């Protein structure tokens, strides 16, 4: 499981424990509705949901950051910060303002622009 604070992957893990018995989120691609459910669970402190969302969206977040920041090392560092922000602010997501993935990608884009302005 990924630690939301330090985002250090547990590489020894081969299988993911279920979120809840019989939960459909455990295997296969994550559907759009399921991403919203994962974010709601993250807002309640569910680390398994965080791990699942990270597995689903980490490549997208990193891609967005690399497009803006261009430096791969800086993009990796920024990705850690974005995932910490997702963990801390998941409860602020409002589905009336767009999809969960657009919210996540917006966080990544805004964070990257903020870093550019700090240079």
Protein backbone atom coordinates (compact mmCIF):
# COMPACT_ATOMS: atom_id res chain seq x y z
CA UNK A 1 0.00 0.00 0.00
CA UNK A 2 1.21 3.54 -0.68
CA UNK A 3 1.74 5.79 2.31
CA UNK A 4 -0.23 8.98 1.56
CA UNK A 5 2.19 11.06 3.58
CA UNK A 6 5.43 9.80 2.06
CA UNK A 7 4.03 7.99 -1.00
CA UNK A 8 6.53 5.19 -0.72
CA UNK A 9 5.31 2.10 -2.60
CA UNK A 10 5.38 -1.27 -0.90
CA UNK A 11 7.10 -3.26 -3.67
CA UNK A 12 6.83 -6.55 -1.80
CA UNK A 13 3.04 -6.49 -2.14
CA UNK A 14 1.78 -8.86 -4.84
CA UNK A 15 -1.95 -8.79 -4.21
CA UNK A 16 -4.23 -6.00 -3.12
CA UNK A 17 -6.54 -6.63 -0.17
CA UNK A 18 -10.21 -6.00 -0.93
CA UNK A 19 -11.70 -2.64 0.00
CA UNK A 20 -14.72 -4.47 1.39
CA UNK A 21 -15.90 -8.03 0.97
CA UNK A 22 -17.47 -8.37 -2.48
CA UNK A 23 -16.47 -4.87 -3.59
CA UNK A 24 -16.31 -4.50 -7.38
CA UNK A 25 -13.46 -1.98 -7.15
CA UNK A 26 -10.86 -4.60 -6.34
CA UNK A 27 -10.11 -5.92 -9.84
CA UNK A 28 -10.02 -4.61 -13.38
CA UNK A 29 -10.06 -1.05 -14.70
CA UNK A 30 -11.66 1.61 -12.57
CA UNK A 31 -14.94 2.96 -13.96
CA UNK A 32 -15.73 6.67 -13.79
CA UNK A 33 -18.36 6.16 -11.08
CA UNK A 34 -15.93 4.02 -9.10
CA UNK A 35 -13.30 6.79 -9.17
CA UNK A 36 -15.81 9.08 -7.49
CA UNK A 37 -16.52 6.37 -4.91
CA UNK A 38 -12.79 5.96 -4.28
CA UNK A 39 -12.41 9.70 -3.69
CA UNK A 40 -15.33 9.65 -1.23
CA UNK A 41 -13.64 6.79 0.64
CA UNK A 42 -10.34 8.66 0.65
CA UNK A 43 -12.14 11.60 2.27
CA UNK A 44 -13.04 9.17 5.08
CA UNK A 45 -9.40 8.10 5.46
CA UNK A 46 -9.55 4.83 3.49
CA UNK A 47 -5.94 4.01 2.55
CA UNK A 48 -6.98 1.07 0.36
CA UNK A 49 -9.09 3.43 -1.73
CA UNK A 50 -6.15 5.83 -1.97
CA UNK A 51 -3.92 3.01 -3.15
CA UNK A 52 -6.47 1.98 -5.78
CA UNK A 53 -6.92 5.56 -7.03
CA UNK A 54 -3.16 6.02 -7.14
CA UNK A 55 -2.79 2.87 -9.25
CA UNK A 56 -5.49 4.14 -11.59
CA UNK A 57 -4.42 7.78 -11.99
CA UNK A 58 -0.72 8.14 -11.12
CA UNK A 59 0.48 7.87 -14.72
CA UNK A 60 -2.04 10.52 -15.82
CA UNK A 61 -0.96 12.90 -13.07
CA UNK A 62 2.72 12.42 -13.81
CA UNK A 63 2.12 12.90 -17.55
CA UNK A 64 0.35 16.22 -16.87
CA UNK A 65 3.14 17.41 -14.59
CA UNK A 66 5.87 16.45 -17.07
CA UNK A 67 4.08 18.34 -19.85
CA UNK A 68 4.17 21.54 -17.80
CA UNK A 69 7.39 21.22 -15.82
CA UNK A 70 9.56 19.38 -18.42
CA UNK A 71 12.14 18.33 -15.78
CA UNK A 72 11.37 14.67 -14.93
CA UNK A 73 12.81 14.92 -11.40
CA UNK A 74 10.79 18.02 -10.62
CA UNK A 75 7.67 16.36 -12.06
CA UNK A 76 8.20 13.32 -9.80
CA UNK A 77 8.58 15.54 -6.74
CA UNK A 78 5.50 17.52 -7.74
CA UNK A 79 3.54 14.28 -8.19
CA UNK A 80 4.26 13.32 -4.56
CA UNK A 81 2.96 16.72 -3.48
CA UNK A 82 -0.18 16.40 -5.63
CA UNK A 83 -0.99 12.98 -4.16
CA UNK A 84 -0.58 14.36 -0.66
CA UNK A 85 -2.93 17.18 -1.63
CA UNK A 86 -5.45 14.65 -2.97
CA UNK A 87 -5.28 12.73 0.33
CA UNK A 88 -5.80 15.88 2.37
CA UNK A 89 -8.48 17.54 0.24
CA UNK A 90 -10.55 14.63 -1.08
CA UNK A 91 -13.52 15.81 0.96
CA UNK A 92 -13.58 19.09 -0.96
CA UNK A 93 -14.35 17.43 -4.29
CA UNK A 94 -17.75 18.52 -5.61
CA UNK A 95 -19.19 16.39 -8.43
CA UNK A 96 -21.25 19.38 -9.58
CA UNK A 97 -18.01 21.04 -10.72
CA UNK A 98 -16.83 18.19 -12.98
CA UNK A 99 -15.58 14.63 -12.96
CA UNK A 100 -13.24 13.26 -10.36
CA UNK A 101 -10.46 12.89 -12.90
CA UNK A 102 -10.89 16.48 -14.09
CA UNK A 103 -10.60 17.58 -10.44
CA UNK A 104 -7.43 15.51 -9.97
CA UNK A 105 -5.90 16.72 -13.22
CA UNK A 106 -6.81 20.30 -12.32
CA UNK A 107 -4.97 19.92 -9.01
CA UNK A 108 -1.93 18.63 -10.91
CA UNK A 109 -2.04 21.44 -13.48
CA UNK A 110 -2.46 24.17 -10.85
CA UNK A 111 0.37 22.70 -8.79
CA UNK A 112 2.67 22.62 -11.82
CA UNK A 113 1.84 26.23 -12.73
CA UNK A 114 2.47 27.26 -9.11
CA UNK A 115 5.91 25.62 -9.27
CA UNK A 116 6.69 27.45 -12.52
CA UNK A 117 5.80 30.78 -10.93
CA UNK A 118 8.11 30.03 -8.00
CA UNK A 119 11.14 29.62 -10.26
